[in-house]
Amino acid sequence: MYGSWRYIVPQNGPDFQNYGFLAQASWFFTEKAALYGRYDWISPGNQPGSLDNFNSVTLGLNFLPFTFTNRYKLTLETSYVLDSISSTIVPTGSGLGYLPTADDGQFLLRLQLQFGF
């Protein structure tokens, strides 16, 4: 669980603040597999403009093929954004996998292989 706060002083215009919060929990139901859930919330705070909060809920599964290291992991996750992402301060090209849209609600399904050296 963590939170963030930004205080921005632009060269032109008033100062403003943004806030964020993330909560995540996981459970290893076998020695090699874990189920996890996550909630993200990002508020534009008092940033000028007509902006909405970003809210997403994620459910995922991690599979670690080797018990002696966590350098290799296969992840399958699905995420749901509750509101329109285009009206938030979250950039759509940020690598999150969401597309710019004015419609509420967007699903994401991601499968990835992670490895380290």
PDB file of N, CA and C in Angstrom:
ATOM      1  N   MET A   1       0.840  -1.156   0.000  1.00  0.00           N
ATOM      2  CA  MET A   1       0.000   0.000   0.000  1.00  0.00           C
ATOM      3  C   MET A   1       0.896   1.233   0.000  1.00  0.00           C
ATOM      4  N   TYR A   2       0.554   2.185  -0.836  1.00  0.00           N
ATOM      5  CA  TYR A   2       1.292   3.431  -0.795  1.00  0.00           C
ATOM      6  C   TYR A   2       0.442   4.556  -1.347  1.00  0.00           C
ATOM      7  N   GLY A   3       0.869   5.767  -1.072  1.00  0.00           N
ATOM      8  CA  GLY A   3       0.193   6.960  -1.557  1.00  0.00           C
ATOM      9  C   GLY A   3       1.205   7.938  -2.117  1.00  0.00           C
ATOM     10  N   SER A   4       0.724   8.879  -2.875  1.00  0.00           N
ATOM     11  CA  SER A   4       1.610   9.906  -3.430  1.00  0.00           C
ATOM     12  C   SER A   4       0.903  11.252  -3.413  1.00  0.00           C
ATOM     13  N   TRP A   5       1.696  12.294  -3.374  1.00  0.00           N
ATOM     14  CA  TRP A   5       1.196  13.664  -3.389  1.00  0.00           C
ATOM     15  C   TRP A   5       2.166  14.488  -4.208  1.00  0.00           C
ATOM     16  N   ARG A   6       1.643  15.270  -5.143  1.00  0.00           N
ATOM     17  CA  ARG A   6       2.482  16.161  -5.945  1.00  0.00           C
ATOM     18  C   ARG A   6       2.000  17.590  -5.752  1.00  0.00           C
ATOM     19  N   TYR A   7       2.953  18.477  -5.560  1.00  0.00           N
ATOM     20  CA  TYR A   7       2.667  19.913  -5.500  1.00  0.00           C
ATOM     21  C   TYR A   7       3.382  20.541  -6.688  1.00  0.00           C
ATOM     22  N   ILE A   8       2.632  21.113  -7.618  1.00  0.00           N
ATOM     23  CA  ILE A   8       3.186  21.623  -8.862  1.00  0.00           C
ATOM     24  C   ILE A   8       3.109  23.142  -8.871  1.00  0.00           C
ATOM     25  N   VAL A   9       4.235  23.758  -9.218  1.00  0.00           N
ATOM     26  CA  VAL A   9       4.310  25.208  -9.352  1.00  0.00           C
ATOM     27  C   VAL A   9       4.641  25.513 -10.814  1.00  0.00           C
ATOM     28  N   PRO A  10       3.612  25.719 -11.652  1.00  0.00           N
ATOM     29  CA  PRO A  10       3.882  26.004 -13.065  1.00  0.00           C
ATOM     30  C   PRO A  10       4.425  27.415 -13.255  1.00  0.00           C
ATOM     31  N   GLN A  11       5.095  27.641 -14.380  1.00  0.00           N
ATOM     32  CA  GLN A  11       5.620  28.978 -14.668  1.00  0.00           C
ATOM     33  C   GLN A  11       4.494  29.983 -14.883  1.00  0.00           C
ATOM     34  N   ASN A  12       3.407  29.515 -15.493  1.00  0.00           N
ATOM     35  CA  ASN A  12       2.238  30.363 -15.714  1.00  0.00           C
ATOM     36  C   ASN A  12       1.026  29.686 -15.105  1.00  0.00           C
ATOM     37  N   GLY A  13       0.279  30.395 -14.294  1.00  0.00           N
ATOM     38  CA  GLY A  13      -0.920  29.824 -13.699  1.00  0.00           C
ATOM     39  C   GLY A  13      -0.745  29.518 -12.226  1.00  0.00           C
ATOM     40  N   PRO A  14      -1.828  29.100 -11.593  1.00  0.00           N
ATOM     41  CA  PRO A  14      -1.799  28.846 -10.146  1.00  0.00           C
ATOM     42  C   PRO A  14      -1.133  27.514  -9.799  1.00  0.00           C
ATOM     43  N   ASP A  15      -0.635  27.437  -8.570  1.00  0.00           N
ATOM     44  CA  ASP A  15      -0.101  26.185  -8.035  1.00  0.00           C
ATOM     45  C   ASP A  15      -1.254  25.196  -7.863  1.00  0.00           C
ATOM     46  N   PHE A  16      -0.941  23.897  -7.951  1.00  0.00           N
ATOM     47  CA  PHE A  16      -1.973  22.885  -7.724  1.00  0.00           C
ATOM     48  C   PHE A  16      -1.347  21.613  -7.183  1.00  0.00           C
ATOM     49  N   GLN A  17      -2.226  20.697  -6.734  1.00  0.00           N
ATOM     50  CA  GLN A  17      -1.786  19.452  -6.119  1.00  0.00           C
ATOM     51  C   GLN A  17      -2.532  18.271  -6.721  1.00  0.00           C
ATOM     52  N   ASN A  18      -1.854  17.117  -6.831  1.00  0.00           N
ATOM     53  CA  ASN A  18      -2.453  15.850  -7.249  1.00  0.00           C
ATOM     54  C   ASN A  18      -2.191  14.822  -6.152  1.00  0.00           C
ATOM     55  N   TYR A  19      -3.060  13.801  -6.076  1.00  0.00           N
ATOM     56  CA  TYR A  19      -2.942  12.758  -5.065  1.00  0.00           C
ATOM     57  C   TYR A  19      -3.093  11.380  -5.708  1.00  0.00           C
ATOM     58  N   GLY A  20      -2.554  10.384  -5.082  1.00  0.00           N
ATOM     59  CA  GLY A  20      -2.713   9.025  -5.574  1.00  0.00           C
ATOM     60  C   GLY A  20      -2.631   8.022  -4.441  1.00  0.00           C
ATOM     61  N   PHE A  21      -3.209   6.841  -4.694  1.00  0.00           N
ATOM     62  CA  PHE A  21      -3.230   5.787  -3.685  1.00  0.00           C
ATOM     63  C   PHE A  21      -3.265   4.447  -4.409  1.00  0.00           C
ATOM     64  N   LEU A  22      -2.521   3.477  -3.907  1.00  0.00           N
ATOM     65  CA  LEU A  22      -2.525   2.125  -4.455  1.00  0.00           C
ATOM     66  C   LEU A  22      -2.530   1.140  -3.300  1.00  0.00           C
ATOM     67  N   ALA A  23      -3.392   0.138  -3.397  1.00  0.00           N
ATOM     68  CA  ALA A  23      -3.423  -0.945  -2.407  1.00  0.00           C
ATOM     69  C   ALA A  23      -3.372  -2.262  -3.168  1.00  0.00           C
ATOM     70  N   GLN A  24      -2.502  -3.157  -2.729  1.00  0.00           N
ATOM     71  CA  GLN A  24      -2.347  -4.448  -3.399  1.00  0.00           C
ATOM     72  C   GLN A  24      -2.133  -5.531  -2.354  1.00  0.00           C
ATOM     73  N   ALA A  25      -2.703  -6.698  -2.628  1.00  0.00           N
ATOM     74  CA  ALA A  25      -2.515  -7.859  -1.757  1.00  0.00           C
ATOM     75  C   ALA A  25      -2.354  -9.087  -2.636  1.00  0.00           C
ATOM     76  N   SER A  26      -1.573 -10.057  -2.145  1.00  0.00           N
ATOM     77  CA  SER A  26      -1.403 -11.296  -2.903  1.00  0.00           C
ATOM     78  C   SER A  26      -1.410 -12.482  -1.943  1.00  0.00           C
ATOM     79  N   TRP A  27      -1.656 -13.647  -2.521  1.00  0.00           N
ATOM     80  CA  TRP A  27      -1.732 -14.879  -1.742  1.00  0.00           C
ATOM     81  C   TRP A  27      -1.129 -16.016  -2.562  1.00  0.00           C
ATOM     82  N   PHE A  28      -0.080 -16.637  -2.036  1.00  0.00           N
ATOM     83  CA  PHE A  28       0.513 -17.815  -2.670  1.00  0.00           C
ATOM     84  C   PHE A  28      -0.347 -19.020  -2.302  1.00  0.00           C
ATOM     85  N   PHE A  29      -1.119 -19.516  -3.259  1.00  0.00           N
ATOM     86  CA  PHE A  29      -1.957 -20.674  -2.981  1.00  0.00           C
ATOM     87  C   PHE A  29      -1.244 -21.979  -3.304  1.00  0.00           C
ATOM     88  N   THR A  30      -0.112 -21.922  -4.001  1.00  0.00           N
ATOM     89  CA  THR A  30       0.816 -23.045  -4.130  1.00  0.00           C
ATOM     90  C   THR A  30       2.216 -22.458  -3.988  1.00  0.00           C
ATOM     91  N   GLU A  31       3.211 -23.302  -4.018  1.00  0.00           N
ATOM     92  CA  GLU A  31       4.590 -22.830  -3.899  1.00  0.00           C
ATOM     93  C   GLU A  31       5.023 -21.992  -5.101  1.00  0.00           C
ATOM     94  N   LYS A  32       4.363 -22.179  -6.248  1.00  0.00           N
ATOM     95  CA  LYS A  32       4.770 -21.508  -7.481  1.00  0.00           C
ATOM     96  C   LYS A  32       3.741 -20.527  -8.033  1.00  0.00           C
ATOM     97  N   ALA A  33       2.589 -20.399  -7.414  1.00  0.00           N
ATOM     98  CA  ALA A  33       1.529 -19.561  -7.976  1.00  0.00           C
ATOM     99  C   ALA A  33       0.920 -18.646  -6.921  1.00  0.00           C
ATOM    100  N   ALA A  34       0.681 -17.397  -7.328  1.00  0.00           N
ATOM    101  CA  ALA A  34       0.094 -16.414  -6.431  1.00  0.00           C
ATOM    102  C   ALA A  34      -1.019 -15.659  -7.140  1.00  0.00           C
ATOM    103  N   LEU A  35      -2.086 -15.426  -6.432  1.00  0.00           N
ATOM    104  CA  LEU A  35      -3.202 -14.629  -6.892  1.00  0.00           C
ATOM    105  C   LEU A  35      -3.054 -13.249  -6.263  1.00  0.00           C
ATOM    106  N   TYR A  36      -3.328 -12.183  -7.026  1.00  0.00           N
ATOM    107  CA  TYR A  36      -3.215 -10.849  -6.447  1.00  0.00           C
ATOM    108  C   TYR A  36      -4.352  -9.950  -6.916  1.00  0.00           C
ATOM    109  N   GLY A  37      -4.607  -8.941  -6.113  1.00  0.00           N
ATOM    110  CA  GLY A  37      -5.598  -7.926  -6.429  1.00  0.00           C
ATOM    111  C   GLY A  37      -5.013  -6.553  -6.150  1.00  0.00           C
ATOM    112  N   ARG A  38      -5.464  -5.567  -6.909  1.00  0.00           N
ATOM    113  CA  ARG A  38      -4.916  -4.213  -6.759  1.00  0.00           C
ATOM    114  C   ARG A  38      -6.011  -3.186  -7.035  1.00  0.00           C
ATOM    115  N   TYR A  39      -5.965  -2.072  -6.313  1.00  0.00           N
ATOM    116  CA  TYR A  39      -6.840  -0.936  -6.557  1.00  0.00           C
ATOM    117  C   TYR A  39      -5.969   0.303  -6.680  1.00  0.00           C
ATOM    118  N   ASP A  40      -6.176   1.074  -7.756  1.00  0.00           N
ATOM    119  CA  ASP A  40      -5.451   2.325  -7.992  1.00  0.00           C
ATOM    120  C   ASP A  40      -6.439   3.481  -7.999  1.00  0.00           C
ATOM    121  N   TRP A  41      -6.052   4.573  -7.393  1.00  0.00           N
ATOM    122  CA  TRP A  41      -6.869   5.794  -7.408  1.00  0.00           C
ATOM    123  C   TRP A  41      -5.930   6.973  -7.574  1.00  0.00           C
ATOM    124  N   ILE A  42      -6.191   7.804  -8.570  1.00  0.00           N
ATOM    125  CA  ILE A  42      -5.394   9.016  -8.799  1.00  0.00           C
ATOM    126  C   ILE A  42      -6.361  10.178  -8.958  1.00  0.00           C
ATOM    127  N   SER A  43      -6.175  11.195  -8.149  1.00  0.00           N
ATOM    128  CA  SER A  43      -7.042  12.368  -8.164  1.00  0.00           C
ATOM    129  C   SER A  43      -6.301  13.558  -8.764  1.00  0.00           C
ATOM    130  N   PRO A  44      -6.961  14.334  -9.625  1.00  0.00           N
ATOM    131  CA  PRO A  44      -6.322  15.535 -10.137  1.00  0.00           C
ATOM    132  C   PRO A  44      -6.228  16.633  -9.078  1.00  0.00           C
ATOM    133  N   GLY A  45      -6.844  16.419  -7.923  1.00  0.00           N
ATOM    134  CA  GLY A  45      -6.789  17.414  -6.854  1.00  0.00           C
ATOM    135  C   GLY A  45      -7.416  18.713  -7.310  1.00  0.00           C
ATOM    136  N   ASN A  46      -6.695  19.794  -7.130  1.00  0.00           N
ATOM    137  CA  ASN A  46      -7.205  21.104  -7.545  1.00  0.00           C
ATOM    138  C   ASN A  46      -6.547  21.588  -8.837  1.00  0.00           C
ATOM    139  N   GLN A  47      -6.094  20.645  -9.677  1.00  0.00           N
ATOM    140  CA  GLN A  47      -5.498  21.003 -10.965  1.00  0.00           C
ATOM    141  C   GLN A  47      -6.563  21.676 -11.829  1.00  0.00           C
ATOM    142  N   PRO A  48      -6.216  22.784 -12.490  1.00  0.00           N
ATOM    143  CA  PRO A  48      -7.194  23.474 -13.337  1.00  0.00           C
ATOM    144  C   PRO A  48      -7.703  22.568 -14.459  1.00  0.00           C
ATOM    145  N   GLY A  49      -8.976  22.721 -14.790  1.00  0.00           N
ATOM    146  CA  GLY A  49      -9.589  21.941 -15.849  1.00  0.00           C
ATOM    147  C   GLY A  49     -10.672  21.039 -15.305  1.00  0.00           C
ATOM    148  N   SER A  50     -11.403  20.446 -16.212  1.00  0.00           N
ATOM    149  CA  SER A  50     -12.485  19.530 -15.846  1.00  0.00           C
ATOM    150  C   SER A  50     -11.946  18.103 -15.919  1.00  0.00           C
ATOM    151  N   LEU A  51     -11.352  17.632 -14.828  1.00  0.00           N
ATOM    152  CA  LEU A  51     -10.699  16.330 -14.791  1.00  0.00           C
ATOM    153  C   LEU A  51     -11.368  15.411 -13.780  1.00  0.00           C
ATOM    154  N   ASP A  52     -11.401  14.127 -14.101  1.00  0.00           N
ATOM    155  CA  ASP A  52     -11.996  13.120 -13.229  1.00  0.00           C
ATOM    156  C   ASP A  52     -10.913  12.323 -12.519  1.00  0.00           C
ATOM    157  N   ASN A  53     -11.315  11.596 -11.489  1.00  0.00           N
ATOM    158  CA  ASN A  53     -10.424  10.658 -10.809  1.00  0.00           C
ATOM    159  C   ASN A  53     -10.183   9.455 -11.711  1.00  0.00           C
ATOM    160  N   PHE A  54      -9.014   8.859 -11.582  1.00  0.00           N
ATOM    161  CA  PHE A  54      -8.684   7.594 -12.236  1.00  0.00           C
ATOM    162  C   PHE A  54      -8.866   6.502 -11.198  1.00  0.00           C
ATOM    163  N   ASN A  55      -9.679   5.506 -11.516  1.00  0.00           N
ATOM    164  CA  ASN A  55      -9.928   4.361 -10.635  1.00  0.00           C
ATOM    165  C   ASN A  55      -9.774   3.091 -11.443  1.00  0.00           C
ATOM    166  N   SER A  56      -8.946   2.171 -10.980  1.00  0.00           N
ATOM    167  CA  SER A  56      -8.845   0.879 -11.656  1.00  0.00           C
ATOM    168  C   SER A  56      -8.759  -0.242 -10.631  1.00  0.00           C
ATOM    169  N   VAL A  57      -9.315  -1.379 -11.019  1.00  0.00           N
ATOM    170  CA  VAL A  57      -9.303  -2.587 -10.204  1.00  0.00           C
ATOM    171  C   VAL A  57      -8.636  -3.679 -11.031  1.00  0.00           C
ATOM    172  N   THR A  58      -7.701  -4.420 -10.432  1.00  0.00           N
ATOM    173  CA  THR A  58      -6.947  -5.446 -11.142  1.00  0.00           C
ATOM    174  C   THR A  58      -6.991  -6.751 -10.371  1.00  0.00           C
ATOM    175  N   LEU A  59      -7.099  -7.835 -11.122  1.00  0.00           N
ATOM    176  CA  LEU A  59      -6.995  -9.179 -10.571  1.00  0.00           C
ATOM    177  C   LEU A  59      -5.996  -9.931 -11.432  1.00  0.00           C
ATOM    178  N   GLY A  60      -5.008 -10.572 -10.800  1.00  0.00           N
ATOM    179  CA  GLY A  60      -3.967 -11.237 -11.566  1.00  0.00           C
ATOM    180  C   GLY A  60      -3.480 -12.522 -10.938  1.00  0.00           C
ATOM    181  N   LEU A  61      -2.714 -13.244 -11.749  1.00  0.00           N
ATOM    182  CA  LEU A  61      -2.123 -14.513 -11.338  1.00  0.00           C
ATOM    183  C   LEU A  61      -0.655 -14.505 -11.754  1.00  0.00           C
ATOM    184  N   ASN A  62       0.229 -14.774 -10.808  1.00  0.00           N
ATOM    185  CA  ASN A  62       1.662 -14.912 -11.066  1.00  0.00           C
ATOM    186  C   ASN A  62       2.048 -16.381 -10.962  1.00  0.00           C
ATOM    187  N   PHE A  63       2.843 -16.825 -11.914  1.00  0.00           N
ATOM    188  CA  PHE A  63       3.380 -18.184 -11.879  1.00  0.00           C
ATOM    189  C   PHE A  63       4.896 -18.096 -11.928  1.00  0.00           C
ATOM    190  N   LEU A  64       5.557 -18.642 -10.930  1.00  0.00           N
ATOM    191  CA  LEU A  64       7.012 -18.661 -10.850  1.00  0.00           C
ATOM    192  C   LEU A  64       7.464 -20.093 -11.092  1.00  0.00           C
ATOM    193  N   PRO A  65       8.065 -20.388 -12.258  1.00  0.00           N
ATOM    194  CA  PRO A  65       8.373 -21.773 -12.607  1.00  0.00           C
ATOM    195  C   PRO A  65       9.467 -22.416 -11.749  1.00  0.00           C
ATOM    196  N   PHE A  66      10.308 -21.605 -11.131  1.00  0.00           N
ATOM    197  CA  PHE A  66      11.403 -22.145 -10.324  1.00  0.00           C
ATOM    198  C   PHE A  66      11.242 -21.699  -8.883  1.00  0.00           C
ATOM    199  N   THR A  67      11.376 -22.615  -7.953  1.00  0.00           N
ATOM    200  CA  THR A  67      11.229 -22.264  -6.539  1.00  0.00           C
ATOM    201  C   THR A  67      12.500 -21.651  -5.952  1.00  0.00           C
ATOM    202  N   PHE A  68      13.629 -21.781  -6.631  1.00  0.00           N
ATOM    203  CA  PHE A  68      14.885 -21.268  -6.099  1.00  0.00           C
ATOM    204  C   PHE A  68      15.145 -19.810  -6.479  1.00  0.00           C
ATOM    205  N   THR A  69      14.321 -19.209  -7.348  1.00  0.00           N
ATOM    206  CA  THR A  69      14.513 -17.812  -7.740  1.00  0.00           C
ATOM    207  C   THR A  69      13.186 -17.211  -8.172  1.00  0.00           C
ATOM    208  N   ASN A  70      13.079 -15.901  -8.044  1.00  0.00           N
ATOM    209  CA  ASN A  70      11.902 -15.201  -8.553  1.00  0.00           C
ATOM    210  C   ASN A  70      12.266 -14.331  -9.761  1.00  0.00           C
ATOM    211  N   ARG A  71      13.365 -14.621 -10.413  1.00  0.00           N
ATOM    212  CA  ARG A  71      13.804 -13.854 -11.592  1.00  0.00           C
ATOM    213  C   ARG A  71      12.970 -14.131 -12.828  1.00  0.00           C
ATOM    214  N   TYR A  72      12.223 -15.210 -12.825  1.00  0.00           N
ATOM    215  CA  TYR A  72      11.399 -15.573 -13.975  1.00  0.00           C
ATOM    216  C   TYR A  72       9.952 -15.692 -13.490  1.00  0.00           C
ATOM    217  N   LYS A  73       9.064 -14.997 -14.192  1.00  0.00           N
ATOM    218  CA  LYS A  73       7.680 -14.983 -13.743  1.00  0.00           C
ATOM    219  C   LYS A  73       6.759 -14.810 -14.946  1.00  0.00           C
ATOM    220  N   LEU A  74       5.699 -15.559 -14.966  1.00  0.00           N
ATOM    221  CA  LEU A  74       4.655 -15.429 -15.969  1.00  0.00           C
ATOM    222  C   LEU A  74       3.446 -14.823 -15.265  1.00  0.00           C
ATOM    223  N   THR A  75       2.916 -13.731 -15.835  1.00  0.00           N
ATOM    224  CA  THR A  75       1.801 -13.020 -15.218  1.00  0.00           C
ATOM    225  C   THR A  75       0.635 -12.925 -16.184  1.00  0.00           C
ATOM    226  N   LEU A  76      -0.539 -13.203 -15.678  1.00  0.00           N
ATOM    227  CA  LEU A  76      -1.785 -12.996 -16.411  1.00  0.00           C
ATOM    228  C   LEU A  76      -2.649 -12.117 -15.523  1.00  0.00           C
ATOM    229  N   GLU A  77      -3.096 -10.973 -16.080  1.00  0.00           N
ATOM    230  CA  GLU A  77      -3.923 -10.090 -15.280  1.00  0.00           C
ATOM    231  C   GLU A  77      -5.016  -9.452 -16.120  1.00  0.00           C
ATOM    232  N   THR A  78      -6.098  -9.109 -15.451  1.00  0.00           N
ATOM    233  CA  THR A  78      -7.168  -8.350 -16.066  1.00  0.00           C
ATOM    234  C   THR A  78      -7.420  -7.134 -15.191  1.00  0.00           C
ATOM    235  N   SER A  79      -7.674  -6.013 -15.860  1.00  0.00           N
ATOM    236  CA  SER A  79      -7.874  -4.754 -15.173  1.00  0.00           C
ATOM    237  C   SER A  79      -9.121  -4.091 -15.712  1.00  0.00           C
ATOM    238  N   TYR A  80      -9.745  -3.286 -14.889  1.00  0.00           N
ATOM    239  CA  TYR A  80     -10.934  -2.545 -15.296  1.00  0.00           C
ATOM    240  C   TYR A  80     -10.809  -1.114 -14.803  1.00  0.00           C
ATOM    241  N   VAL A  81     -10.928  -0.158 -15.720  1.00  0.00           N
ATOM    242  CA  VAL A  81     -10.942   1.261 -15.374  1.00  0.00           C
ATOM    243  C   VAL A  81     -12.403   1.674 -15.245  1.00  0.00           C
ATOM    244  N   LEU A  82     -12.761   2.226 -14.111  1.00  0.00           N
ATOM    245  CA  LEU A  82     -14.161   2.527 -13.842  1.00  0.00           C
ATOM    246  C   LEU A  82     -14.696   3.708 -14.646  1.00  0.00           C
ATOM    247  N   ASP A  83     -13.868   4.707 -14.909  1.00  0.00           N
ATOM    248  CA  ASP A  83     -14.312   5.922 -15.583  1.00  0.00           C
ATOM    249  C   ASP A  83     -13.585   6.095 -16.916  1.00  0.00           C
ATOM    250  N   SER A  84     -13.900   7.147 -17.610  1.00  0.00           N
ATOM    251  CA  SER A  84     -13.220   7.474 -18.858  1.00  0.00           C
ATOM    252  C   SER A  84     -11.777   7.863 -18.568  1.00  0.00           C
ATOM    253  N   ILE A  85     -10.841   7.213 -19.205  1.00  0.00           N
ATOM    254  CA  ILE A  85      -9.427   7.530 -18.956  1.00  0.00           C
ATOM    255  C   ILE A  85      -9.016   8.844 -19.621  1.00  0.00           C
ATOM    256  N   SER A  86      -9.721   9.258 -20.672  1.00  0.00           N
ATOM    257  CA  SER A  86      -9.360  10.477 -21.397  1.00  0.00           C
ATOM    258  C   SER A  86      -9.586  11.743 -20.572  1.00  0.00           C
ATOM    259  N   SER A  87     -10.414  11.667 -19.532  1.00  0.00           N
ATOM    260  CA  SER A  87     -10.682  12.850 -18.718  1.00  0.00           C
ATOM    261  C   SER A  87      -9.908  12.830 -17.399  1.00  0.00           C
ATOM    262  N   THR A  88      -8.848  12.018 -17.317  1.00  0.00           N
ATOM    263  CA  THR A  88      -8.018  11.952 -16.110  1.00  0.00           C
ATOM    264  C   THR A  88      -6.634  12.531 -16.411  1.00  0.00           C
ATOM    265  N   ILE A  89      -5.794  12.627 -15.375  1.00  0.00           N
ATOM    266  CA  ILE A  89      -4.427  13.107 -15.574  1.00  0.00           C
ATOM    267  C   ILE A  89      -3.466  11.979 -15.944  1.00  0.00           C
ATOM    268  N   VAL A  90      -3.980  10.750 -16.021  1.00  0.00           N
ATOM    269  CA  VAL A  90      -3.147   9.608 -16.395  1.00  0.00           C
ATOM    270  C   VAL A  90      -2.977   9.598 -17.907  1.00  0.00           C
ATOM    271  N   PRO A  91      -1.741   9.673 -18.399  1.00  0.00           N
ATOM    272  CA  PRO A  91      -1.539   9.665 -19.855  1.00  0.00           C
ATOM    273  C   PRO A  91      -1.834   8.286 -20.447  1.00  0.00           C
ATOM    274  N   THR A  92      -2.554   8.267 -21.565  1.00  0.00           N
ATOM    275  CA  THR A  92      -2.921   6.990 -22.177  1.00  0.00           C
ATOM    276  C   THR A  92      -1.722   6.305 -22.820  1.00  0.00           C
ATOM    277  N   GLY A  93      -0.695   7.004 -23.170  1.00  0.00           N
ATOM    278  CA  GLY A  93       0.490   6.405 -23.763  1.00  0.00           C
ATOM    279  C   GLY A  93       1.546   6.049 -22.740  1.00  0.00           C
ATOM    280  N   SER A  94       1.149   5.781 -21.505  1.00  0.00           N
ATOM    281  CA  SER A  94       2.106   5.566 -20.420  1.00  0.00           C
ATOM    282  C   SER A  94       2.554   4.122 -20.269  1.00  0.00           C
ATOM    283  N   GLY A  95       2.098   3.227 -21.137  1.00  0.00           N
ATOM    284  CA  GLY A  95       2.470   1.829 -21.031  1.00  0.00           C
ATOM    285  C   GLY A  95       1.535   1.021 -20.157  1.00  0.00           C
ATOM    286  N   LEU A  96       0.469   1.617 -19.679  1.00  0.00           N
ATOM    287  CA  LEU A  96      -0.496   0.893 -18.859  1.00  0.00           C
ATOM    288  C   LEU A  96      -1.336  -0.067 -19.688  1.00  0.00           C
ATOM    289  N   GLY A  97      -1.490   0.225 -20.977  1.00  0.00           N
ATOM    290  CA  GLY A  97      -2.249  -0.660 -21.854  1.00  0.00           C
ATOM    291  C   GLY A  97      -3.657  -0.190 -22.149  1.00  0.00           C
ATOM    292  N   TYR A  98      -4.071   0.936 -21.599  1.00  0.00           N
ATOM    293  CA  TYR A  98      -5.411   1.461 -21.856  1.00  0.00           C
ATOM    294  C   TYR A  98      -5.395   2.357 -23.088  1.00  0.00           C
ATOM    295  N   LEU A  99      -6.523   2.415 -23.767  1.00  0.00           N
ATOM    296  CA  LEU A  99      -6.666   3.248 -24.955  1.00  0.00           C
ATOM    297  C   LEU A  99      -7.410   4.529 -24.603  1.00  0.00           C
ATOM    298  N   PRO A 100      -7.113   5.630 -25.304  1.00  0.00           N
ATOM    299  CA  PRO A 100      -7.856   6.857 -25.035  1.00  0.00           C
ATOM    300  C   PRO A 100      -9.316   6.682 -25.450  1.00  0.00           C
ATOM    301  N   THR A 101     -10.225   6.989 -24.556  1.00  0.00           N
ATOM    302  CA  THR A 101     -11.652   6.882 -24.836  1.00  0.00           C
ATOM    303  C   THR A 101     -12.424   7.819 -23.922  1.00  0.00           C
ATOM    304  N   ALA A 102     -13.538   8.311 -24.403  1.00  0.00           N
ATOM    305  CA  ALA A 102     -14.407   9.153 -23.589  1.00  0.00           C
ATOM    306  C   ALA A 102     -15.468   8.322 -22.879  1.00  0.00           C
ATOM    307  N   ASP A 103     -15.538   7.022 -23.183  1.00  0.00           N
ATOM    308  CA  ASP A 103     -16.530   6.137 -22.559  1.00  0.00           C
ATOM    309  C   ASP A 103     -16.053   5.646 -21.200  1.00  0.00           C
ATOM    310  N   ASP A 104     -16.992   5.467 -20.301  1.00  0.00           N
ATOM    311  CA  ASP A 104     -16.684   4.902 -18.987  1.00  0.00           C
ATOM    312  C   ASP A 104     -16.444   3.401 -19.115  1.00  0.00           C
ATOM    313  N   GLY A 105     -15.537   2.892 -18.306  1.00  0.00           N
ATOM    314  CA  GLY A 105     -15.289   1.458 -18.242  1.00  0.00           C
ATOM    315  C   GLY A 105     -14.472   0.943 -19.404  1.00  0.00           C
ATOM    316  N   GLN A 106     -13.348   0.324 -19.082  1.00  0.00           N
ATOM    317  CA  GLN A 106     -12.478  -0.263 -20.094  1.00  0.00           C
ATOM    318  C   GLN A 106     -11.755  -1.451 -19.468  1.00  0.00           C
ATOM    319  N   PHE A 107     -11.805  -2.579 -20.144  1.00  0.00           N
ATOM    320  CA  PHE A 107     -11.122  -3.789 -19.678  1.00  0.00           C
ATOM    321  C   PHE A 107      -9.761  -3.913 -20.343  1.00  0.00           C
ATOM    322  N   LEU A 108      -8.861  -4.559 -19.641  1.00  0.00           N
ATOM    323  CA  LEU A 108      -7.539  -4.842 -20.165  1.00  0.00           C
ATOM    324  C   LEU A 108      -7.193  -6.280 -19.776  1.00  0.00           C
ATOM    325  N   LEU A 109      -6.636  -7.015 -20.699  1.00  0.00           N
ATOM    326  CA  LEU A 109      -6.151  -8.361 -20.423  1.00  0.00           C
ATOM    327  C   LEU A 109      -4.690  -8.394 -20.841  1.00  0.00           C
ATOM    328  N   ARG A 110      -3.798  -8.761 -19.909  1.00  0.00           N
ATOM    329  CA  ARG A 110      -2.365  -8.723 -20.178  1.00  0.00           C
ATOM    330  C   ARG A 110      -1.734 -10.059 -19.798  1.00  0.00           C
ATOM    331  N   LEU A 111      -0.902 -10.557 -20.670  1.00  0.00           N
ATOM    332  CA  LEU A 111      -0.092 -11.738 -20.424  1.00  0.00           C
ATOM    333  C   LEU A 111       1.350 -11.334 -20.668  1.00  0.00           C
ATOM    334  N   GLN A 112       2.211 -11.542 -19.682  1.00  0.00           N
ATOM    335  CA  GLN A 112       3.602 -11.128 -19.860  1.00  0.00           C
ATOM    336  C   GLN A 112       4.556 -12.104 -19.175  1.00  0.00           C
ATOM    337  N   LEU A 113       5.725 -12.185 -19.748  1.00  0.00           N
ATOM    338  CA  LEU A 113       6.818 -12.972 -19.189  1.00  0.00           C
ATOM    339  C   LEU A 113       7.853 -11.994 -18.690  1.00  0.00           C
ATOM    340  N   GLN A 114       8.222 -12.109 -17.434  1.00  0.00           N
ATOM    341  CA  GLN A 114       9.220 -11.225 -16.837  1.00  0.00           C
ATOM    342  C   GLN A 114      10.443 -12.045 -16.464  1.00  0.00           C
ATOM    343  N   PHE A 115      11.607 -11.486 -16.740  1.00  0.00           N
ATOM    344  CA  PHE A 115      12.831 -12.184 -16.357  1.00  0.00           C
ATOM    345  C   PHE A 115      13.910 -11.170 -16.033  1.00  0.00           C
ATOM    346  N   GLY A 116      14.865 -11.585 -15.221  1.00  0.00           N
ATOM    347  CA  GLY A 116      15.957 -10.724 -14.796  1.00  0.00           C
ATOM    348  C   GLY A 116      17.284 -11.423 -14.979  1.00  0.00           C
ATOM    349  N   PHE A 117      18.316 -10.641 -14.864  1.00  0.00           N
ATOM    350  CA  PHE A 117      19.682 -11.173 -15.030  1.00  0.00           C
ATOM    351  C   PHE A 117      20.447 -11.067 -13.739  1.00  0.00           C
TER     352      PHE A 117
END
